[in-house]
Amino acid sequence: MKSKLLMAAVAMTFSAGMADAKTRLLVNCFWPPKHFACSEVLPTWIEEVERVTEGRVTGIIPPKSVAPPPEQLASVEKGLADVAVQFNGLIQNRVTGPLVAMQPFTGTHDAEQMSRALWATNREYFPDEFDTVELISQFVISPAELYSQNDTPINSIDELAGRKMWVLPGPLAAITKNLGSGVVSSPAVKSNEIISRGVVDGHLGLDPQAVKAFQLLPYTKSTTSFDTAIYSTSFSVFVSKEKWDEISPEDQAAIMSVSGDVLGVAFGARWNQAAEEAEASYEEAGITVVEADPAFAEALANASAFVTEDWIKAANETGIDGAAALEFYKAQLAQ
């Protein structure tokens, strides 16, 4: 009888311990601490995770990033962080699907809309592409814009080809080089070092909030506005598989209810707000907005087509129907 009572007491203690057990997530953020991704979006998501799991899963953001931007996925795989956000362009040797939202002249000027469309496309065409971590969301930020640093706006292929441009590395750099432009590339965070010194007379690849955040407004004279976004960038949010496995299926489902397109839309909406705030400061900064000549837009889109052709081929090689995924993404944007 004593033995049965002891076993019952142990079982009750164990159950109580399980009920009180908590999982704490180290949520890394590679942007500066004051950036809204680190100070608003991710903290709000952590609060939501704690709410829907009734405190069984909590989170904390370290005061500085545990790894540089290119190594966010690696930081989770190595156990340096439990949750991280990765720019998909830096891991295209690992994942191909989310680059569907990074095809030239495909996106819109609404990051919230693009983020929702990307997650829907992910669920339909490439939900299992991440095999070393648990993917919980993907999102798209406000698109890159074309800026002139002298008094002449860039509004023709010849004008663009005749410039020396700072361009974001990757497809945009390849496109502008093919057109004959002189190209200087660097990570976005180093753009000020080049643009502010007058090394170039135009730049392509930064969205409005980045132009303001990197203090480039004083060196910019005009921007050329296209109906369809020239180029957008996408990101993935993921959790360590080991940490994810510590969480009960019920709490996993609860976390996903505030992740997926919910978190993606939160990122996108905040980027929209930041872009609008930056654009509102153009007039005071003396930046003129010029509508793109339709002939220029068409010529630049045609000159960019090889990027999408290459992506569809790469997607097909990984087992993703690239053309179908792209059309699905576009259809989501059209809704």
C-alpha atoms as a PDB file:
ATOM      1  CA  MET A   1       0.000   0.000   0.000  1.00  0.00           C
ATOM      2  CA  LYS A   2       2.863   2.377   0.887  1.00  0.00           C
ATOM      3  CA  SER A   3       4.506   1.486  -2.396  1.00  0.00           C
ATOM      4  CA  LYS A   4       1.368   2.375  -4.366  1.00  0.00           C
ATOM      5  CA  LEU A   5       0.988   5.645  -2.471  1.00  0.00           C
ATOM      6  CA  LEU A   6       4.642   6.505  -3.160  1.00  0.00           C
ATOM      7  CA  MET A   7       4.233   5.757  -6.851  1.00  0.00           C
ATOM      8  CA  ALA A   8       1.101   7.914  -6.989  1.00  0.00           C
ATOM      9  CA  ALA A   9       2.894  10.778  -5.281  1.00  0.00           C
ATOM     10  CA  VAL A  10       5.807  10.515  -7.713  1.00  0.00           C
ATOM     11  CA  ALA A  11       3.392  10.494 -10.659  1.00  0.00           C
ATOM     12  CA  MET A  12       1.578  13.576  -9.336  1.00  0.00           C
ATOM     13  CA  THR A  13       4.882  15.371  -8.803  1.00  0.00           C
ATOM     14  CA  PHE A  14       6.034  14.463 -12.306  1.00  0.00           C
ATOM     15  CA  SER A  15       2.753  15.649 -13.829  1.00  0.00           C
ATOM     16  CA  ALA A  16       2.920  18.915 -11.924  1.00  0.00           C
ATOM     17  CA  GLY A  17       6.483  19.384 -13.120  1.00  0.00           C
ATOM     18  CA  MET A  18       5.427  18.799 -16.696  1.00  0.00           C
ATOM     19  CA  ALA A  19       2.584  21.270 -16.343  1.00  0.00           C
ATOM     20  CA  ASP A  20       5.004  23.893 -15.005  1.00  0.00           C
ATOM     21  CA  ALA A  21       7.712  23.100 -17.574  1.00  0.00           C
ATOM     22  CA  LYS A  22       8.608  26.055 -19.759  1.00  0.00           C
ATOM     23  CA  THR A  23      10.506  26.370 -23.005  1.00  0.00           C
ATOM     24  CA  ARG A  24      12.399  29.603 -23.487  1.00  0.00           C
ATOM     25  CA  LEU A  25      13.308  30.620 -27.018  1.00  0.00           C
ATOM     26  CA  LEU A  26      16.381  32.715 -27.755  1.00  0.00           C
ATOM     27  CA  VAL A  27      15.038  34.815 -30.661  1.00  0.00           C
ATOM     28  CA  ASN A  28      17.881  36.405 -32.604  1.00  0.00           C
ATOM     29  CA  CYS A  29      17.502  39.653 -34.547  1.00  0.00           C
ATOM     30  CA  PHE A  30      20.353  40.733 -36.846  1.00  0.00           C
ATOM     31  CA  TRP A  31      19.029  44.248 -37.482  1.00  0.00           C
ATOM     32  CA  PRO A  32      20.177  47.027 -35.115  1.00  0.00           C
ATOM     33  CA  PRO A  33      18.399  46.851 -31.721  1.00  0.00           C
ATOM     34  CA  LYS A  34      16.325  49.963 -32.461  1.00  0.00           C
ATOM     35  CA  HIS A  35      15.122  48.676 -35.824  1.00  0.00           C
ATOM     36  CA  PHE A  36      11.400  47.938 -35.715  1.00  0.00           C
ATOM     37  CA  ALA A  37      12.013  44.271 -36.535  1.00  0.00           C
ATOM     38  CA  CYS A  38      13.899  43.926 -33.231  1.00  0.00           C
ATOM     39  CA  SER A  39      12.001  46.481 -31.149  1.00  0.00           C
ATOM     40  CA  GLU A  40       8.421  45.924 -32.327  1.00  0.00           C
ATOM     41  CA  VAL A  41       7.611  42.985 -34.611  1.00  0.00           C
ATOM     42  CA  LEU A  42       9.549  40.175 -32.943  1.00  0.00           C
ATOM     43  CA  PRO A  43       8.776  41.310 -29.357  1.00  0.00           C
ATOM     44  CA  THR A  44       5.065  41.403 -30.231  1.00  0.00           C
ATOM     45  CA  TRP A  45       5.325  37.907 -31.698  1.00  0.00           C
ATOM     46  CA  ILE A  46       7.009  36.674 -28.501  1.00  0.00           C
ATOM     47  CA  GLU A  47       4.174  38.159 -26.450  1.00  0.00           C
ATOM     48  CA  GLU A  48       1.656  36.374 -28.662  1.00  0.00           C
ATOM     49  CA  VAL A  49       3.509  33.070 -28.320  1.00  0.00           C
ATOM     50  CA  GLU A  50       3.490  33.430 -24.544  1.00  0.00           C
ATOM     51  CA  ARG A  51      -0.222  34.295 -24.623  1.00  0.00           C
ATOM     52  CA  VAL A  52      -1.393  31.409 -26.805  1.00  0.00           C
ATOM     53  CA  THR A  53       0.716  28.866 -24.921  1.00  0.00           C
ATOM     54  CA  GLU A  54      -0.406  30.270 -21.554  1.00  0.00           C
ATOM     55  CA  GLY A  55       3.202  30.979 -20.621  1.00  0.00           C
ATOM     56  CA  ARG A  56       4.541  27.528 -21.408  1.00  0.00           C
ATOM     57  CA  VAL A  57       6.695  28.945 -24.193  1.00  0.00           C
ATOM     58  CA  THR A  58       8.498  32.230 -23.631  1.00  0.00           C
ATOM     59  CA  GLY A  59      11.111  34.128 -25.577  1.00  0.00           C
ATOM     60  CA  ILE A  60      13.904  36.637 -25.263  1.00  0.00           C
ATOM     61  CA  ILE A  61      15.852  38.696 -27.798  1.00  0.00           C
ATOM     62  CA  PRO A  62      19.592  39.084 -27.059  1.00  0.00           C
ATOM     63  CA  PRO A  63      20.932  42.678 -26.911  1.00  0.00           C
ATOM     64  CA  LYS A  64      23.028  42.089 -30.040  1.00  0.00           C
ATOM     65  CA  SER A  65      22.940  39.540 -32.844  1.00  0.00           C
ATOM     66  CA  VAL A  66      24.692  36.257 -32.112  1.00  0.00           C
ATOM     67  CA  ALA A  67      25.841  36.039 -35.747  1.00  0.00           C
ATOM     68  CA  PRO A  68      26.221  38.275 -38.830  1.00  0.00           C
ATOM     69  CA  PRO A  69      23.302  38.459 -41.315  1.00  0.00           C
ATOM     70  CA  PRO A  70      24.586  35.747 -43.698  1.00  0.00           C
ATOM     71  CA  GLU A  71      24.868  33.219 -40.853  1.00  0.00           C
ATOM     72  CA  GLN A  72      21.402  33.310 -39.300  1.00  0.00           C
ATOM     73  CA  LEU A  73      20.445  29.834 -40.500  1.00  0.00           C
ATOM     74  CA  ALA A  74      23.816  28.480 -39.403  1.00  0.00           C
ATOM     75  CA  SER A  75      23.403  30.088 -35.979  1.00  0.00           C
ATOM     76  CA  VAL A  76      20.231  28.076 -35.360  1.00  0.00           C
ATOM     77  CA  GLU A  77      21.720  24.880 -36.750  1.00  0.00           C
ATOM     78  CA  LYS A  78      24.710  25.307 -34.403  1.00  0.00           C
ATOM     79  CA  GLY A  79      22.513  26.037 -31.379  1.00  0.00           C
ATOM     80  CA  LEU A  80      23.630  29.664 -30.955  1.00  0.00           C
ATOM     81  CA  ALA A  81      19.995  30.787 -31.286  1.00  0.00           C
ATOM     82  CA  ASP A  82      16.621  29.029 -31.188  1.00  0.00           C
ATOM     83  CA  VAL A  83      14.795  31.331 -33.616  1.00  0.00           C
ATOM     84  CA  ALA A  84      16.227  33.501 -36.384  1.00  0.00           C
ATOM     85  CA  VAL A  85      15.306  35.453 -39.506  1.00  0.00           C
ATOM     86  CA  GLN A  86      17.293  34.864 -42.693  1.00  0.00           C
ATOM     87  CA  PHE A  87      17.426  36.807 -45.974  1.00  0.00           C
ATOM     88  CA  ASN A  88      16.675  34.112 -48.527  1.00  0.00           C
ATOM     89  CA  GLY A  89      19.069  35.554 -51.093  1.00  0.00           C
ATOM     90  CA  LEU A  90      21.966  34.568 -48.842  1.00  0.00           C
ATOM     91  CA  ILE A  91      20.935  30.900 -48.689  1.00  0.00           C
ATOM     92  CA  GLN A  92      19.817  30.268 -52.259  1.00  0.00           C
ATOM     93  CA  ASN A  93      22.223  27.333 -52.364  1.00  0.00           C
ATOM     94  CA  ARG A  94      19.973  25.789 -49.683  1.00  0.00           C
ATOM     95  CA  VAL A  95      16.453  26.978 -50.585  1.00  0.00           C
ATOM     96  CA  THR A  96      14.962  28.027 -53.911  1.00  0.00           C
ATOM     97  CA  GLY A  97      11.202  28.392 -53.401  1.00  0.00           C
ATOM     98  CA  PRO A  98      10.988  31.703 -51.496  1.00  0.00           C
ATOM     99  CA  LEU A  99      12.957  33.408 -54.252  1.00  0.00           C
ATOM    100  CA  VAL A 100       9.673  33.340 -56.183  1.00  0.00           C
ATOM    101  CA  ALA A 101       8.939  36.653 -54.462  1.00  0.00           C
ATOM    102  CA  MET A 102      12.312  38.053 -55.570  1.00  0.00           C
ATOM    103  CA  GLN A 103      11.727  37.928 -59.317  1.00  0.00           C
ATOM    104  CA  PRO A 104      12.091  41.267 -61.148  1.00  0.00           C
ATOM    105  CA  PHE A 105       8.893  43.040 -62.133  1.00  0.00           C
ATOM    106  CA  THR A 106       6.748  40.482 -60.308  1.00  0.00           C
ATOM    107  CA  GLY A 107       5.817  42.069 -56.996  1.00  0.00           C
ATOM    108  CA  THR A 108       3.742  45.041 -55.897  1.00  0.00           C
ATOM    109  CA  HIS A 109       4.481  48.024 -53.671  1.00  0.00           C
ATOM    110  CA  ASP A 110       2.560  46.422 -50.789  1.00  0.00           C
ATOM    111  CA  ALA A 111       4.850  44.342 -48.551  1.00  0.00           C
ATOM    112  CA  GLU A 112       1.898  43.066 -46.517  1.00  0.00           C
ATOM    113  CA  GLN A 113       0.204  41.739 -49.654  1.00  0.00           C
ATOM    114  CA  MET A 114       3.413  40.135 -50.938  1.00  0.00           C
ATOM    115  CA  SER A 115       4.089  38.499 -47.573  1.00  0.00           C
ATOM    116  CA  ARG A 116       0.630  36.928 -47.516  1.00  0.00           C
ATOM    117  CA  ALA A 117       1.063  35.732 -51.118  1.00  0.00           C
ATOM    118  CA  LEU A 118       4.482  34.228 -50.399  1.00  0.00           C
ATOM    119  CA  TRP A 119       3.239  32.180 -47.437  1.00  0.00           C
ATOM    120  CA  ALA A 120       0.302  30.874 -49.482  1.00  0.00           C
ATOM    121  CA  THR A 121       2.729  29.894 -52.244  1.00  0.00           C
ATOM    122  CA  ASN A 122       5.025  28.229 -49.734  1.00  0.00           C
ATOM    123  CA  ARG A 123       2.198  26.108 -48.330  1.00  0.00           C
ATOM    124  CA  GLU A 124       1.181  25.063 -51.849  1.00  0.00           C
ATOM    125  CA  TYR A 125       4.534  24.458 -53.560  1.00  0.00           C
ATOM    126  CA  PHE A 126       7.522  24.240 -51.188  1.00  0.00           C
ATOM    127  CA  PRO A 127       6.392  23.705 -47.557  1.00  0.00           C
ATOM    128  CA  ASP A 128       9.177  21.228 -46.694  1.00  0.00           C
ATOM    129  CA  GLU A 129      12.191  22.888 -48.306  1.00  0.00           C
ATOM    130  CA  PHE A 130      13.905  23.621 -44.980  1.00  0.00           C
ATOM    131  CA  ASP A 131      15.111  20.265 -43.667  1.00  0.00           C
ATOM    132  CA  THR A 132      17.380  21.245 -40.757  1.00  0.00           C
ATOM    133  CA  VAL A 133      15.049  23.708 -39.007  1.00  0.00           C
ATOM    134  CA  GLU A 134      11.301  24.199 -38.528  1.00  0.00           C
ATOM    135  CA  LEU A 135      10.022  26.929 -40.840  1.00  0.00           C
ATOM    136  CA  ILE A 136       7.358  29.055 -39.156  1.00  0.00           C
ATOM    137  CA  SER A 137       6.978  32.079 -41.460  1.00  0.00           C
ATOM    138  CA  GLN A 138       8.162  33.882 -44.579  1.00  0.00           C
ATOM    139  CA  PHE A 139       7.712  37.520 -45.552  1.00  0.00           C
ATOM    140  CA  VAL A 140       8.590  40.152 -48.144  1.00  0.00           C
ATOM    141  CA  ILE A 141       9.730  43.713 -47.474  1.00  0.00           C
ATOM    142  CA  SER A 142       8.952  46.899 -49.423  1.00  0.00           C
ATOM    143  CA  PRO A 143      10.555  46.791 -52.881  1.00  0.00           C
ATOM    144  CA  ALA A 144      13.817  48.273 -54.092  1.00  0.00           C
ATOM    145  CA  GLU A 145      13.671  51.602 -55.910  1.00  0.00           C
ATOM    146  CA  LEU A 146      15.808  53.324 -58.560  1.00  0.00           C
ATOM    147  CA  TYR A 147      17.450  56.589 -57.462  1.00  0.00           C
ATOM    148  CA  SER A 148      19.503  59.293 -59.188  1.00  0.00           C
ATOM    149  CA  GLN A 149      22.200  61.279 -57.401  1.00  0.00           C
ATOM    150  CA  ASN A 150      22.474  64.038 -59.980  1.00  0.00           C
ATOM    151  CA  ASP A 151      19.960  66.476 -61.419  1.00  0.00           C
ATOM    152  CA  THR A 152      18.933  64.142 -64.275  1.00  0.00           C
ATOM    153  CA  PRO A 153      16.399  61.425 -63.340  1.00  0.00           C
ATOM    154  CA  ILE A 154      17.078  57.909 -64.620  1.00  0.00           C
ATOM    155  CA  ASN A 155      14.247  57.276 -67.058  1.00  0.00           C
ATOM    156  CA  SER A 156      15.661  55.338 -69.993  1.00  0.00           C
ATOM    157  CA  ILE A 157      17.871  52.338 -70.646  1.00  0.00           C
ATOM    158  CA  ASP A 158      20.528  54.617 -72.152  1.00  0.00           C
ATOM    159  CA  GLU A 159      20.493  56.840 -69.072  1.00  0.00           C
ATOM    160  CA  LEU A 160      20.870  53.838 -66.774  1.00  0.00           C
ATOM    161  CA  ALA A 161      23.601  52.306 -68.938  1.00  0.00           C
ATOM    162  CA  GLY A 162      25.532  55.576 -68.840  1.00  0.00           C
ATOM    163  CA  ARG A 163      25.619  55.718 -65.037  1.00  0.00           C
ATOM    164  CA  LYS A 164      27.966  54.391 -62.424  1.00  0.00           C
ATOM    165  CA  MET A 165      25.594  52.763 -59.947  1.00  0.00           C
ATOM    166  CA  TRP A 166      25.678  51.351 -56.460  1.00  0.00           C
ATOM    167  CA  VAL A 167      23.605  48.178 -56.814  1.00  0.00           C
ATOM    168  CA  LEU A 168      22.583  45.511 -54.328  1.00  0.00           C
ATOM    169  CA  PRO A 169      24.589  42.326 -55.022  1.00  0.00           C
ATOM    170  CA  GLY A 170      22.820  39.497 -56.846  1.00  0.00           C
ATOM    171  CA  PRO A 171      20.270  39.718 -59.669  1.00  0.00           C
ATOM    172  CA  LEU A 172      20.105  43.522 -59.700  1.00  0.00           C
ATOM    173  CA  ALA A 173      23.871  43.788 -60.092  1.00  0.00           C
ATOM    174  CA  ALA A 174      23.786  41.230 -62.923  1.00  0.00           C
ATOM    175  CA  ILE A 175      20.984  43.109 -64.703  1.00  0.00           C
ATOM    176  CA  THR A 176      22.694  46.506 -64.557  1.00  0.00           C
ATOM    177  CA  LYS A 177      26.069  45.072 -65.586  1.00  0.00           C
ATOM    178  CA  ASN A 178      24.421  43.438 -68.592  1.00  0.00           C
ATOM    179  CA  LEU A 179      23.037  46.839 -69.578  1.00  0.00           C
ATOM    180  CA  GLY A 180      26.530  48.330 -69.525  1.00  0.00           C
ATOM    181  CA  SER A 181      26.325  50.336 -66.321  1.00  0.00           C
ATOM    182  CA  GLY A 182      29.352  50.708 -64.139  1.00  0.00           C
ATOM    183  CA  VAL A 183      28.421  48.763 -61.010  1.00  0.00           C
ATOM    184  CA  VAL A 184      29.692  48.972 -57.451  1.00  0.00           C
ATOM    185  CA  SER A 185      28.112  46.372 -55.155  1.00  0.00           C
ATOM    186  CA  SER A 186      28.182  45.964 -51.418  1.00  0.00           C
ATOM    187  CA  PRO A 187      25.838  44.773 -48.653  1.00  0.00           C
ATOM    188  CA  ALA A 188      23.079  47.297 -48.026  1.00  0.00           C
ATOM    189  CA  VAL A 189      24.502  48.223 -44.626  1.00  0.00           C
ATOM    190  CA  LYS A 190      27.672  49.478 -46.354  1.00  0.00           C
ATOM    191  CA  SER A 191      25.876  51.471 -49.048  1.00  0.00           C
ATOM    192  CA  ASN A 192      26.419  54.806 -47.273  1.00  0.00           C
ATOM    193  CA  GLU A 193      30.192  54.423 -47.452  1.00  0.00           C
ATOM    194  CA  ILE A 194      30.000  54.388 -51.260  1.00  0.00           C
ATOM    195  CA  ILE A 195      27.020  56.623 -52.028  1.00  0.00           C
ATOM    196  CA  SER A 196      27.883  59.452 -49.625  1.00  0.00           C
ATOM    197  CA  ARG A 197      31.399  59.789 -51.082  1.00  0.00           C
ATOM    198  CA  GLY A 198      30.091  60.442 -54.593  1.00  0.00           C
ATOM    199  CA  VAL A 199      31.730  57.319 -55.992  1.00  0.00           C
ATOM    200  CA  VAL A 200      28.505  56.623 -57.919  1.00  0.00           C
ATOM    201  CA  ASP A 201      25.781  58.799 -59.442  1.00  0.00           C
ATOM    202  CA  GLY A 202      22.801  56.527 -58.820  1.00  0.00           C
ATOM    203  CA  HIS A 203      21.694  53.589 -56.710  1.00  0.00           C
ATOM    204  CA  LEU A 204      19.372  50.614 -57.105  1.00  0.00           C
ATOM    205  CA  GLY A 205      18.375  48.019 -54.528  1.00  0.00           C
ATOM    206  CA  LEU A 206      17.313  49.931 -51.431  1.00  0.00           C
ATOM    207  CA  ASP A 207      13.707  50.427 -50.377  1.00  0.00           C
ATOM    208  CA  PRO A 208      12.624  53.868 -49.094  1.00  0.00           C
ATOM    209  CA  GLN A 209      12.986  53.013 -45.415  1.00  0.00           C
ATOM    210  CA  ALA A 210      16.565  51.831 -46.034  1.00  0.00           C
ATOM    211  CA  VAL A 211      17.425  55.047 -47.908  1.00  0.00           C
ATOM    212  CA  LYS A 212      16.275  56.993 -44.859  1.00  0.00           C
ATOM    213  CA  ALA A 213      17.764  54.604 -42.285  1.00  0.00           C
ATOM    214  CA  PHE A 214      21.165  54.601 -43.992  1.00  0.00           C
ATOM    215  CA  GLN A 215      21.077  58.435 -44.139  1.00  0.00           C
ATOM    216  CA  LEU A 216      21.138  58.603 -47.936  1.00  0.00           C
ATOM    217  CA  LEU A 217      18.403  61.223 -48.430  1.00  0.00           C
ATOM    218  CA  PRO A 218      20.921  64.112 -48.651  1.00  0.00           C
ATOM    219  CA  TYR A 219      22.768  62.393 -51.519  1.00  0.00           C
ATOM    220  CA  THR A 220      19.674  61.523 -53.572  1.00  0.00           C
ATOM    221  CA  LYS A 221      18.022  63.886 -56.068  1.00  0.00           C
ATOM    222  CA  SER A 222      15.209  61.827 -57.612  1.00  0.00           C
ATOM    223  CA  THR A 223      13.560  58.420 -57.739  1.00  0.00           C
ATOM    224  CA  THR A 224      11.882  56.738 -60.694  1.00  0.00           C
ATOM    225  CA  SER A 225       8.542  55.159 -59.810  1.00  0.00           C
ATOM    226  CA  PHE A 226       7.440  51.977 -61.599  1.00  0.00           C
ATOM    227  CA  ASP A 227       3.902  50.572 -61.554  1.00  0.00           C
ATOM    228  CA  THR A 228       5.274  47.076 -60.907  1.00  0.00           C
ATOM    229  CA  ALA A 229       8.049  46.684 -58.356  1.00  0.00           C
ATOM    230  CA  ILE A 230      11.500  46.317 -59.898  1.00  0.00           C
ATOM    231  CA  TYR A 231      12.684  43.908 -57.218  1.00  0.00           C
ATOM    232  CA  SER A 232      11.683  42.694 -53.756  1.00  0.00           C
ATOM    233  CA  THR A 233      13.475  40.631 -51.136  1.00  0.00           C
ATOM    234  CA  SER A 234      12.082  37.806 -49.016  1.00  0.00           C
ATOM    235  CA  PHE A 235      12.994  36.399 -45.614  1.00  0.00           C
ATOM    236  CA  SER A 236      12.351  33.185 -43.682  1.00  0.00           C
ATOM    237  CA  VAL A 237      11.735  32.729 -39.947  1.00  0.00           C
ATOM    238  CA  PHE A 238      12.589  29.369 -38.420  1.00  0.00           C
ATOM    239  CA  VAL A 239      13.026  27.513 -35.133  1.00  0.00           C
ATOM    240  CA  SER A 240      15.591  24.944 -34.050  1.00  0.00           C
ATOM    241  CA  LYS A 241      14.189  21.451 -34.587  1.00  0.00           C
ATOM    242  CA  GLU A 242      15.503  20.369 -31.179  1.00  0.00           C
ATOM    243  CA  LYS A 243      13.741  23.260 -29.476  1.00  0.00           C
ATOM    244  CA  TRP A 244      10.574  22.709 -31.517  1.00  0.00           C
ATOM    245  CA  ASP A 245      10.487  19.073 -30.420  1.00  0.00           C
ATOM    246  CA  GLU A 246      10.497  20.195 -26.770  1.00  0.00           C
ATOM    247  CA  ILE A 247       7.140  21.873 -27.352  1.00  0.00           C
ATOM    248  CA  SER A 248       3.910  19.869 -27.171  1.00  0.00           C
ATOM    249  CA  PRO A 249       1.899  19.391 -30.393  1.00  0.00           C
ATOM    250  CA  GLU A 250      -0.872  21.527 -28.898  1.00  0.00           C
ATOM    251  CA  ASP A 251       1.508  24.409 -28.204  1.00  0.00           C
ATOM    252  CA  GLN A 252       3.166  23.985 -31.599  1.00  0.00           C
ATOM    253  CA  ALA A 253      -0.237  24.443 -33.218  1.00  0.00           C
ATOM    254  CA  ALA A 254      -0.891  27.465 -31.012  1.00  0.00           C
ATOM    255  CA  ILE A 255       2.430  29.027 -32.007  1.00  0.00           C
ATOM    256  CA  MET A 256       1.707  28.472 -35.689  1.00  0.00           C
ATOM    257  CA  SER A 257      -1.632  30.236 -35.234  1.00  0.00           C
ATOM    258  CA  VAL A 258       0.318  33.450 -34.546  1.00  0.00           C
ATOM    259  CA  SER A 259       3.125  32.713 -37.014  1.00  0.00           C
ATOM    260  CA  GLY A 260       2.805  31.773 -40.703  1.00  0.00           C
ATOM    261  CA  ASP A 261       1.083  34.537 -42.635  1.00  0.00           C
ATOM    262  CA  VAL A 262       0.103  36.281 -39.378  1.00  0.00           C
ATOM    263  CA  LEU A 263       3.740  37.015 -38.543  1.00  0.00           C
ATOM    264  CA  GLY A 264       4.585  37.559 -42.209  1.00  0.00           C
ATOM    265  CA  VAL A 265       1.850  40.152 -42.567  1.00  0.00           C
ATOM    266  CA  ALA A 266       3.044  41.880 -39.364  1.00  0.00           C
ATOM    267  CA  PHE A 267       6.512  42.256 -40.864  1.00  0.00           C
ATOM    268  CA  GLY A 268       5.101  43.401 -44.207  1.00  0.00           C
ATOM    269  CA  ALA A 269       2.693  45.917 -42.676  1.00  0.00           C
ATOM    270  CA  ARG A 270       5.455  47.476 -40.578  1.00  0.00           C
ATOM    271  CA  TRP A 271       7.691  47.746 -43.639  1.00  0.00           C
ATOM    272  CA  ASN A 272       4.834  49.456 -45.483  1.00  0.00           C
ATOM    273  CA  GLN A 273       4.556  51.975 -42.676  1.00  0.00           C
ATOM    274  CA  ALA A 274       8.314  52.625 -42.668  1.00  0.00           C
ATOM    275  CA  ALA A 275       8.341  53.079 -46.453  1.00  0.00           C
ATOM    276  CA  GLU A 276       5.455  55.559 -46.275  1.00  0.00           C
ATOM    277  CA  GLU A 277       7.200  57.527 -43.542  1.00  0.00           C
ATOM    278  CA  ALA A 278      10.386  57.674 -45.608  1.00  0.00           C
ATOM    279  CA  GLU A 279       8.550  58.731 -48.759  1.00  0.00           C
ATOM    280  CA  ALA A 280       6.834  61.493 -46.790  1.00  0.00           C
ATOM    281  CA  SER A 281      10.258  63.023 -46.164  1.00  0.00           C
ATOM    282  CA  TYR A 282      11.233  63.118 -49.869  1.00  0.00           C
ATOM    283  CA  GLU A 283       9.884  66.631 -50.476  1.00  0.00           C
ATOM    284  CA  GLU A 284      11.726  68.140 -47.537  1.00  0.00           C
ATOM    285  CA  ALA A 285      14.892  66.350 -48.669  1.00  0.00           C
ATOM    286  CA  GLY A 286      14.486  67.739 -52.181  1.00  0.00           C
ATOM    287  CA  ILE A 287      13.883  64.361 -53.823  1.00  0.00           C
ATOM    288  CA  THR A 288      11.685  64.416 -56.916  1.00  0.00           C
ATOM    289  CA  VAL A 289       9.481  61.439 -57.809  1.00  0.00           C
ATOM    290  CA  VAL A 290       9.372  60.762 -61.553  1.00  0.00           C
ATOM    291  CA  GLU A 291       6.947  58.342 -63.195  1.00  0.00           C
ATOM    292  CA  ALA A 292       8.785  55.747 -65.265  1.00  0.00           C
ATOM    293  CA  ASP A 293       8.422  56.092 -69.020  1.00  0.00           C
ATOM    294  CA  PRO A 294       6.439  53.003 -70.203  1.00  0.00           C
ATOM    295  CA  ALA A 295       9.124  52.270 -72.794  1.00  0.00           C
ATOM    296  CA  PHE A 296      11.798  52.309 -70.076  1.00  0.00           C
ATOM    297  CA  ALA A 297       9.740  50.029 -67.832  1.00  0.00           C
ATOM    298  CA  GLU A 298       9.187  47.562 -70.666  1.00  0.00           C
ATOM    299  CA  ALA A 299      12.826  47.571 -71.725  1.00  0.00           C
ATOM    300  CA  LEU A 300      14.077  47.087 -68.159  1.00  0.00           C
ATOM    301  CA  ALA A 301      11.603  44.250 -67.585  1.00  0.00           C
ATOM    302  CA  ASN A 302      12.779  42.545 -70.778  1.00  0.00           C
ATOM    303  CA  ALA A 303      16.405  42.991 -69.746  1.00  0.00           C
ATOM    304  CA  SER A 304      15.580  41.330 -66.411  1.00  0.00           C
ATOM    305  CA  ALA A 305      13.791  38.292 -67.861  1.00  0.00           C
ATOM    306  CA  PHE A 306      16.873  36.060 -67.692  1.00  0.00           C
ATOM    307  CA  VAL A 307      16.771  36.196 -63.876  1.00  0.00           C
ATOM    308  CA  THR A 308      13.317  34.607 -63.753  1.00  0.00           C
ATOM    309  CA  GLU A 309      14.202  32.084 -66.465  1.00  0.00           C
ATOM    310  CA  ASP A 310      17.211  30.981 -64.406  1.00  0.00           C
ATOM    311  CA  TRP A 311      15.120  30.766 -61.228  1.00  0.00           C
ATOM    312  CA  ILE A 312      12.429  28.611 -62.872  1.00  0.00           C
ATOM    313  CA  LYS A 313      15.138  26.254 -64.128  1.00  0.00           C
ATOM    314  CA  ALA A 314      16.734  26.067 -60.666  1.00  0.00           C
ATOM    315  CA  ALA A 315      13.353  25.490 -59.007  1.00  0.00           C
ATOM    316  CA  ASN A 316      12.497  22.701 -61.418  1.00  0.00           C
ATOM    317  CA  GLU A 317      15.813  21.001 -60.655  1.00  0.00           C
ATOM    318  CA  THR A 318      14.879  20.866 -56.957  1.00  0.00           C
ATOM    319  CA  GLY A 319      11.452  19.356 -57.680  1.00  0.00           C
ATOM    320  CA  ILE A 320       9.462  22.594 -57.445  1.00  0.00           C
ATOM    321  CA  ASP A 321       7.272  23.466 -60.412  1.00  0.00           C
ATOM    322  CA  GLY A 322       8.802  26.895 -60.843  1.00  0.00           C
ATOM    323  CA  ALA A 323       6.478  28.224 -63.530  1.00  0.00           C
ATOM    324  CA  ALA A 324       3.375  27.067 -61.645  1.00  0.00           C
ATOM    325  CA  ALA A 325       4.639  28.497 -58.348  1.00  0.00           C
ATOM    326  CA  LEU A 326       5.334  31.848 -59.998  1.00  0.00           C
ATOM    327  CA  GLU A 327       1.889  31.999 -61.589  1.00  0.00           C
ATOM    328  CA  PHE A 328       0.292  31.040 -58.254  1.00  0.00           C
ATOM    329  CA  TYR A 329       2.216  33.824 -56.506  1.00  0.00           C
ATOM    330  CA  LYS A 330       1.134  36.359 -59.123  1.00  0.00           C
ATOM    331  CA  ALA A 331      -2.486  35.164 -58.822  1.00  0.00           C
ATOM    332  CA  GLN A 332      -2.343  35.693 -55.050  1.00  0.00           C
ATOM    333  CA  LEU A 333      -1.146  39.253 -55.633  1.00  0.00           C
ATOM    334  CA  ALA A 334      -3.966  39.871 -58.088  1.00  0.00           C
ATOM    335  CA  GLN A 335      -6.650  38.964 -55.557  1.00  0.00           C
END
